[in-house]
Amino acid sequence: MSEPSTPALLKDILGRPALATIADAGVAASPRFDRKAFLAAASDGLDALSIMERVRHIADALAIALPADYAAALPIVRAMAPRLTHGFQAVSVTEYVARHGLGDFEASMTALADLTRHGTAEFAIRPFLAQDAPRTLAVMLGWTASADEHVRRLASEGCRPRLPWAARVPALKADSTLGAPILEALKADPALYVRKSVANHLNDIAKDRPDWLLDRLGGWSQADAATKWIVRHALRTLIKAGDPRALALIGVGHGAAVTVQRFAVEPATIRLGDQVAIAATLASDATDAQSLVVDYRIHYARAGSKTAAKVFKWKSFDLAAGETAALAIRQTIRDFSTRRHHPGRHAVDLIVNGQTMATSAFEIEG
């Protein structure tokens, strides 16, 4: 499926050209699709809506354009999906199942497994989990045996406890480990697309039940390269926090026998939008090679002399006995929707194998 370039605003992925594409797909799928009614309903109030609000708005407009009988409408929806040109268009069509198919569980599950190949049904599966988690999870466990990697990914991604942009599912909020059988079935999946989802799902669990996660991953054999990859990426939050058990699971000791010969952040003073260059030189003090996980932590200045810290991945590598490693990275200091910068001193820590080993700083001018 070809996807056009991303517009200036994310929500405009589902702008009026997208509505026309969806309408054309509906007409091509069935003469029973009311193109005029869909465009009128979908266009009404569209401009004020965010991207996910537009997803739901378009799904409800589809209900106006499709036959009122869900069983009659569903084959049309499934026939529309291959004719769409962007993943978010498919998400909007899939959302129709979430909003109007809760009363026909079996048909809806079959449809979601089909539709996820054209975008993703990870959001559309959530209302079914909220309505009946055990029944839905049982179907999703069956999807782990699918030959289609998109369906296998849906099994993991759809029941993530903290799926971004998605509503929290009460059952998963109460017990973030409910998807464990699904993760076990996918822990050596050959598809990177699926492994990323499994690792992200496990990383979600790490934020609520770290001990459970460490116990579970500690029982997984890492002889398989796919499983080893999942374990490393699933532990990223705990590794950033310097958790000794997490570091041990990836073959890294807590702390390292190194001397920090240099750690610097330059320039010392910047304006918002400038870059800082972070450099470190580490010298081995060990008699054997050692595995190092090097991160850095920025303490962002906040109002009222407060700070908020965020850890960034830097590099993982092996350092031979007596050797020296020079590391360098640049980061642009700019505002995001999730992070606003304030003037003032920003301390930067060098973290090696979970331990802070040096600190520098830069200042943002007011």
Protein backbone atom coordinates (compact mmCIF):
# COMPACT_ATOMS: atom_id res chain seq x y z
CA MET A 1 0.00 0.00 0.00
CA SER A 2 1.53 3.28 -1.08
CA GLU A 3 1.36 6.14 1.37
CA PRO A 4 1.59 9.81 0.38
CA SER A 5 3.99 12.13 2.15
CA THR A 6 2.94 13.29 5.60
CA PRO A 7 1.25 16.73 5.61
CA ALA A 8 2.27 19.56 7.91
CA LEU A 9 -0.37 18.56 10.48
CA LEU A 10 -0.79 14.91 11.38
CA LYS A 11 -4.56 15.22 11.45
CA ASP A 12 -4.57 16.28 7.80
CA ILE A 13 -3.68 12.72 6.83
CA LEU A 14 -7.44 12.34 7.24
CA GLY A 15 -8.37 15.55 5.43
CA ARG A 16 -10.82 15.96 2.58
CA PRO A 17 -8.67 14.18 -0.03
CA ALA A 18 -8.66 11.13 2.26
CA LEU A 19 -12.45 11.33 2.59
CA ALA A 20 -12.73 11.27 -1.21
CA THR A 21 -10.49 8.20 -1.38
CA ILE A 22 -12.57 6.40 1.25
CA ALA A 23 -15.78 7.37 -0.58
CA ASP A 24 -14.40 6.08 -3.87
CA ALA A 25 -13.44 2.83 -2.19
CA GLY A 26 -16.98 2.49 -0.86
CA VAL A 27 -18.55 3.01 -4.26
CA ALA A 28 -16.13 0.56 -5.86
CA ALA A 29 -16.94 -2.02 -3.18
CA SER A 30 -20.73 -1.82 -3.50
CA PRO A 31 -23.49 0.14 -5.21
CA ARG A 32 -25.19 0.19 -1.81
CA PHE A 33 -22.59 2.64 -0.48
CA ASP A 34 -24.02 6.17 -0.31
CA ARG A 35 -21.10 8.36 -1.36
CA LYS A 36 -22.94 11.65 -0.97
CA ALA A 37 -24.19 10.83 2.52
CA PHE A 38 -20.72 9.73 3.61
CA LEU A 39 -18.97 12.87 2.37
CA ALA A 40 -21.57 15.15 3.94
CA ALA A 41 -21.38 13.44 7.34
CA ALA A 42 -17.59 12.98 7.32
CA SER A 43 -16.89 16.59 6.28
CA ASP A 44 -19.18 18.10 8.90
CA GLY A 45 -17.05 19.45 11.76
CA LEU A 46 -13.90 17.71 10.49
CA ASP A 47 -11.57 20.71 10.77
CA ALA A 48 -11.80 20.98 14.57
CA LEU A 49 -10.95 17.32 15.20
CA SER A 50 -7.63 15.67 16.09
CA ILE A 51 -6.33 12.68 14.16
CA MET A 52 -7.93 10.02 16.40
CA GLU A 53 -11.15 12.03 16.69
CA ARG A 54 -11.26 12.02 12.90
CA VAL A 55 -10.85 8.25 12.91
CA ARG A 56 -13.98 7.88 15.04
CA HIS A 57 -15.85 10.59 13.13
CA ILE A 58 -15.20 8.87 9.79
CA ALA A 59 -16.27 5.51 11.23
CA ASP A 60 -19.62 7.00 12.24
CA ALA A 61 -20.00 8.60 8.81
CA LEU A 62 -19.46 5.16 7.28
CA ALA A 63 -22.39 3.87 9.35
CA ILE A 64 -24.61 6.44 7.64
CA ALA A 65 -23.41 5.47 4.16
CA LEU A 66 -23.50 1.69 4.64
CA PRO A 67 -26.51 -0.62 4.98
CA ALA A 68 -28.06 -0.37 8.44
CA ASP A 69 -27.74 -4.13 8.90
CA TYR A 70 -24.21 -4.79 10.23
CA ALA A 71 -24.04 -8.24 8.63
CA ALA A 72 -24.77 -6.69 5.25
CA ALA A 73 -22.37 -3.77 5.76
CA LEU A 74 -19.36 -5.79 6.92
CA PRO A 75 -18.50 -7.40 3.55
CA ILE A 76 -18.52 -3.91 1.99
CA VAL A 77 -16.15 -2.61 4.65
CA ARG A 78 -13.78 -5.52 4.06
CA ALA A 79 -13.90 -4.92 0.30
CA MET A 80 -13.07 -1.24 0.79
CA ALA A 81 -9.83 -1.75 2.70
CA PRO A 82 -7.60 -2.94 -0.19
CA ARG A 83 -8.60 0.16 -2.18
CA LEU A 84 -7.34 2.66 0.41
CA THR A 85 -4.05 4.52 0.01
CA HIS A 86 -2.93 5.28 3.58
CA GLY A 87 -2.79 3.29 6.80
CA PHE A 88 -4.89 5.83 8.71
CA GLN A 89 -7.65 5.55 6.12
CA ALA A 90 -7.71 1.83 6.89
CA VAL A 91 -7.70 2.55 10.63
CA SER A 92 -10.83 4.69 10.12
CA VAL A 93 -12.57 1.92 8.22
CA THR A 94 -11.51 -0.63 10.83
CA GLU A 95 -12.91 1.64 13.54
CA TYR A 96 -16.36 1.07 12.04
CA VAL A 97 -16.13 -2.50 13.35
CA ALA A 98 -15.19 -1.25 16.83
CA ARG A 99 -18.07 1.21 17.02
CA HIS A 100 -20.80 -0.81 15.37
CA GLY A 101 -19.83 -4.49 15.61
CA LEU A 102 -19.71 -5.23 19.32
CA GLY A 103 -22.95 -7.18 19.05
CA ASP A 104 -21.58 -9.61 16.45
CA PHE A 105 -18.40 -10.87 18.06
CA GLU A 106 -17.45 -13.72 15.74
CA ALA A 107 -17.94 -11.79 12.51
CA SER A 108 -16.13 -8.78 13.93
CA MET A 109 -13.11 -10.81 15.02
CA THR A 110 -12.84 -12.34 11.56
CA ALA A 111 -13.12 -8.90 10.00
CA LEU A 112 -10.44 -7.36 12.23
CA ALA A 113 -7.98 -10.13 11.40
CA ASP A 114 -8.59 -9.36 7.73
CA LEU A 115 -8.60 -5.56 7.97
CA THR A 116 -5.41 -5.31 10.03
CA ARG A 117 -3.40 -6.25 6.91
CA HIS A 118 -4.29 -2.89 5.32
CA GLY A 119 -3.60 -0.56 8.26
CA THR A 120 -3.93 -1.83 11.79
CA ALA A 121 -6.80 -3.01 13.95
CA GLU A 122 -4.91 -2.41 17.20
CA PHE A 123 -7.29 0.40 18.20
CA ALA A 124 -10.45 -1.33 16.96
CA ILE A 125 -9.82 -4.41 19.11
CA ARG A 126 -9.82 -2.39 22.35
CA PRO A 127 -13.62 -2.08 22.80
CA PHE A 128 -13.94 -5.85 22.42
CA LEU A 129 -11.30 -6.33 25.13
CA ALA A 130 -13.14 -3.86 27.34
CA GLN A 131 -16.42 -5.71 26.79
CA ASP A 132 -15.11 -9.26 27.29
CA ALA A 133 -11.38 -9.57 27.85
CA PRO A 134 -11.16 -13.37 28.34
CA ARG A 135 -13.14 -14.14 25.19
CA THR A 136 -11.23 -11.63 23.07
CA LEU A 137 -7.82 -12.68 24.40
CA ALA A 138 -8.66 -16.29 23.56
CA VAL A 139 -9.25 -15.31 19.93
CA MET A 140 -6.07 -13.22 19.89
CA LEU A 141 -4.07 -16.16 21.25
CA GLY A 142 -5.26 -18.14 18.23
CA TRP A 143 -3.99 -15.38 15.96
CA THR A 144 -0.42 -16.03 17.14
CA ALA A 145 -0.41 -19.12 14.88
CA SER A 146 -1.37 -17.13 11.77
CA ALA A 147 0.90 -17.25 8.74
CA ASP A 148 0.32 -13.50 8.34
CA GLU A 149 2.70 -11.35 10.39
CA HIS A 150 0.15 -8.52 10.50
CA VAL A 151 -2.32 -10.78 12.30
CA ARG A 152 0.36 -12.06 14.69
CA ARG A 153 1.36 -8.48 15.47
CA LEU A 154 -2.28 -7.59 16.18
CA ALA A 155 -2.37 -10.35 18.78
CA SER A 156 0.39 -8.60 20.74
CA GLU A 157 -0.16 -4.94 19.90
CA GLY A 158 -3.91 -4.93 20.41
CA CYS A 159 -3.65 -6.00 24.06
CA ARG A 160 -0.71 -3.80 25.07
CA PRO A 161 -1.49 -2.38 28.53
CA ARG A 162 -0.30 1.11 27.55
CA LEU A 163 -0.95 1.23 23.81
CA PRO A 164 -0.24 4.81 22.65
CA TRP A 165 -3.25 6.83 21.47
CA ALA A 166 -5.60 4.09 22.65
CA ALA A 167 -8.09 3.94 25.49
CA ARG A 168 -6.94 1.96 28.52
CA VAL A 169 -8.72 -1.37 28.92
CA PRO A 170 -9.93 -1.84 32.52
CA ALA A 171 -8.93 -5.51 32.69
CA LEU A 172 -5.42 -4.76 31.39
CA LYS A 173 -5.11 -1.80 33.70
CA ALA A 174 -5.94 -4.06 36.64
CA ASP A 175 -3.54 -6.79 35.46
CA SER A 176 -1.04 -5.81 32.78
CA THR A 177 0.11 -9.43 32.40
CA LEU A 178 -3.11 -10.83 30.90
CA GLY A 179 -1.47 -11.05 27.48
CA ALA A 180 1.36 -13.26 28.77
CA PRO A 181 0.24 -16.41 26.85
CA ILE A 182 0.29 -14.37 23.64
CA LEU A 183 3.78 -13.08 24.36
CA GLU A 184 5.01 -16.58 25.13
CA ALA A 185 3.69 -17.78 21.77
CA LEU A 186 5.46 -14.95 19.94
CA LYS A 187 8.74 -14.75 21.86
CA ALA A 188 10.76 -16.21 18.95
CA ASP A 189 8.72 -14.76 16.08
CA PRO A 190 10.73 -14.51 12.84
CA ALA A 191 9.22 -11.14 11.84
CA LEU A 192 10.85 -7.97 13.20
CA TYR A 193 7.44 -6.26 12.88
CA VAL A 194 6.04 -8.73 15.42
CA ARG A 195 9.11 -8.77 17.67
CA LYS A 196 8.95 -4.99 18.05
CA SER A 197 5.36 -5.28 19.25
CA VAL A 198 6.21 -8.05 21.72
CA ALA A 199 9.11 -6.01 23.11
CA ASN A 200 6.96 -2.90 23.42
CA HIS A 201 4.22 -4.92 25.15
CA LEU A 202 6.74 -6.29 27.64
CA ASN A 203 8.17 -2.81 28.18
CA ASP A 204 4.64 -1.64 29.05
CA ILE A 205 4.48 -4.35 31.71
CA ALA A 206 7.88 -3.23 33.06
CA LYS A 207 6.32 0.08 34.09
CA ASP A 208 3.70 -1.66 36.26
CA ARG A 209 5.19 -5.00 37.29
CA PRO A 210 8.97 -4.95 36.85
CA ASP A 211 9.60 -7.94 39.11
CA TRP A 212 7.12 -10.07 37.15
CA LEU A 213 8.81 -9.06 33.91
CA LEU A 214 12.31 -9.84 35.18
CA ASP A 215 11.19 -13.22 36.50
CA ARG A 216 9.48 -14.08 33.20
CA LEU A 217 12.33 -12.99 30.95
CA GLY A 218 14.83 -14.67 33.24
CA GLY A 219 13.16 -17.97 32.34
CA TRP A 220 13.43 -17.41 28.59
CA SER A 221 16.33 -19.04 26.77
CA GLN A 222 18.21 -16.47 24.73
CA ALA A 223 19.83 -19.09 22.52
CA ASP A 224 17.37 -18.02 19.82
CA ALA A 225 18.45 -14.71 18.25
CA ALA A 226 14.86 -13.51 17.94
CA THR A 227 14.17 -14.06 21.63
CA LYS A 228 17.45 -12.41 22.58
CA TRP A 229 16.48 -9.35 20.55
CA ILE A 230 13.07 -9.15 22.25
CA VAL A 231 14.57 -9.45 25.74
CA ARG A 232 17.05 -6.60 25.16
CA HIS A 233 14.41 -4.25 23.78
CA ALA A 234 11.79 -5.22 26.34
CA LEU A 235 14.16 -4.25 29.15
CA ARG A 236 15.03 -0.78 27.85
CA THR A 237 13.12 1.13 30.52
CA LEU A 238 14.67 -0.92 33.32
CA ILE A 239 18.12 -0.72 31.72
CA LYS A 240 17.85 3.06 31.53
CA ALA A 241 16.95 3.00 35.22
CA GLY A 242 20.11 0.97 35.93
CA ASP A 243 18.25 -2.06 37.26
CA PRO A 244 20.92 -4.69 38.12
CA ARG A 245 18.72 -7.66 37.19
CA ALA A 246 17.82 -6.14 33.84
CA LEU A 247 21.46 -5.48 33.06
CA ALA A 248 22.37 -9.01 34.05
CA LEU A 249 19.79 -10.43 31.64
CA ILE A 250 21.61 -8.81 28.73
CA GLY A 251 25.01 -9.92 30.00
CA VAL A 252 26.09 -6.62 31.52
CA GLY A 253 27.36 -6.08 35.06
CA HIS A 254 26.04 -3.32 37.30
CA GLY A 255 28.74 -0.70 37.06
CA ALA A 256 31.91 -0.93 34.99
CA ALA A 257 35.66 -0.93 35.51
CA VAL A 258 36.33 2.21 33.50
CA THR A 259 37.81 5.64 34.01
CA VAL A 260 36.05 8.61 32.47
CA GLN A 261 38.87 10.57 30.90
CA ARG A 262 36.54 13.18 29.43
CA PHE A 263 32.88 14.09 29.56
CA ALA A 264 31.79 17.39 28.05
CA VAL A 265 28.70 19.14 26.73
CA GLU A 266 29.30 22.01 24.32
CA PRO A 267 28.55 24.81 23.91
CA ALA A 268 27.93 25.74 27.52
CA THR A 269 25.17 28.21 26.60
CA ILE A 270 22.59 27.80 23.83
CA ARG A 271 19.30 29.15 22.57
CA LEU A 272 16.25 27.02 21.94
CA GLY A 273 16.68 25.28 18.59
CA ASP A 274 20.48 24.96 18.87
CA GLN A 275 22.39 21.70 19.10
CA VAL A 276 24.54 20.46 21.95
CA ALA A 277 27.47 18.12 21.35
CA ILE A 278 28.00 15.47 24.04
CA ALA A 279 31.37 13.69 24.12
CA ALA A 280 32.86 11.07 26.41
CA THR A 281 36.13 9.14 26.54
CA LEU A 282 36.20 5.92 28.55
CA ALA A 283 39.32 3.95 29.41
CA SER A 284 39.13 0.31 30.55
CA ASP A 285 40.54 -0.56 33.96
CA ALA A 286 39.64 -4.24 33.59
CA THR A 287 41.87 -7.21 32.85
CA ASP A 288 39.22 -8.73 30.58
CA ALA A 289 36.80 -7.43 27.96
CA GLN A 290 33.58 -6.02 29.40
CA SER A 291 30.16 -5.21 27.94
CA LEU A 292 29.13 -1.59 28.35
CA VAL A 293 25.75 0.10 28.07
CA VAL A 294 26.30 3.84 27.90
CA ASP A 295 23.41 6.29 28.25
CA TYR A 296 23.04 9.93 29.15
CA ARG A 297 20.47 11.70 31.29
CA ILE A 298 19.33 15.29 30.81
CA HIS A 299 17.81 17.08 33.81
CA TYR A 300 15.43 19.49 32.11
CA ALA A 301 14.85 22.77 33.91
CA ARG A 302 11.27 23.40 34.95
CA ALA A 303 9.41 26.29 36.49
CA GLY A 304 10.04 26.95 40.15
CA SER A 305 13.63 25.66 40.13
CA LYS A 306 12.42 22.10 39.58
CA THR A 307 13.87 19.60 37.12
CA ALA A 308 12.59 16.60 35.17
CA ALA A 309 15.05 13.93 34.06
CA LYS A 310 14.98 11.87 30.87
CA VAL A 311 17.44 9.12 29.95
CA PHE A 312 18.57 8.70 26.34
CA LYS A 313 20.19 5.64 24.81
CA TRP A 314 23.73 6.23 23.57
CA LYS A 315 25.70 3.10 22.75
CA SER A 316 26.15 -0.54 23.75
CA PHE A 317 29.49 -2.16 22.95
CA ASP A 318 32.32 -4.35 24.23
CA LEU A 319 35.47 -2.68 25.52
CA ALA A 320 38.63 -4.77 25.52
CA ALA A 321 41.07 -4.76 28.43
CA GLY A 322 43.20 -1.63 28.44
CA GLU A 323 41.38 -0.04 25.50
CA THR A 324 39.88 3.44 25.23
CA ALA A 325 36.58 4.38 23.57
CA ALA A 326 35.58 7.85 22.38
CA LEU A 327 31.86 8.53 22.03
CA ALA A 328 30.11 11.53 20.53
CA ILE A 329 26.50 12.46 19.87
CA ARG A 330 24.60 15.61 19.02
CA GLN A 331 21.09 16.57 20.12
CA THR A 332 18.92 19.45 19.00
CA ILE A 333 17.23 21.18 21.93
CA ARG A 334 13.79 22.12 20.67
CA ASP A 335 10.23 22.02 21.89
CA PHE A 336 7.91 19.10 21.21
CA SER A 337 4.25 18.61 22.01
CA THR A 338 5.40 16.33 24.85
CA ARG A 339 8.31 18.45 26.07
CA ARG A 340 8.58 22.20 26.58
CA HIS A 341 11.95 23.69 27.45
CA HIS A 342 12.59 26.38 30.04
CA PRO A 343 15.56 28.72 30.42
CA GLY A 344 18.17 27.71 32.96
CA ARG A 345 20.83 25.12 33.75
CA HIS A 346 20.37 21.60 32.38
CA ALA A 347 22.63 19.02 34.02
CA VAL A 348 23.71 16.07 31.87
CA ASP A 349 24.82 12.77 33.45
CA LEU A 350 26.97 10.07 31.89
CA ILE A 351 25.57 6.64 32.82
CA VAL A 352 27.65 3.49 32.32
CA ASN A 353 26.06 0.14 33.16
CA GLY A 354 23.43 1.80 35.29
CA GLN A 355 25.78 4.01 37.33
CA THR A 356 26.25 7.76 36.99
CA MET A 357 29.97 8.32 36.36
CA ALA A 358 30.25 11.98 35.36
CA THR A 359 28.17 15.14 35.05
CA SER A 360 28.34 18.19 32.85
CA ALA A 361 25.77 20.84 31.92
CA PHE A 362 24.51 23.39 29.42
CA GLU A 363 22.32 26.44 29.90
CA ILE A 364 19.40 27.63 27.80
CA GLU A 365 19.28 31.41 27.56
CA GLY A 366 16.00 33.10 28.36
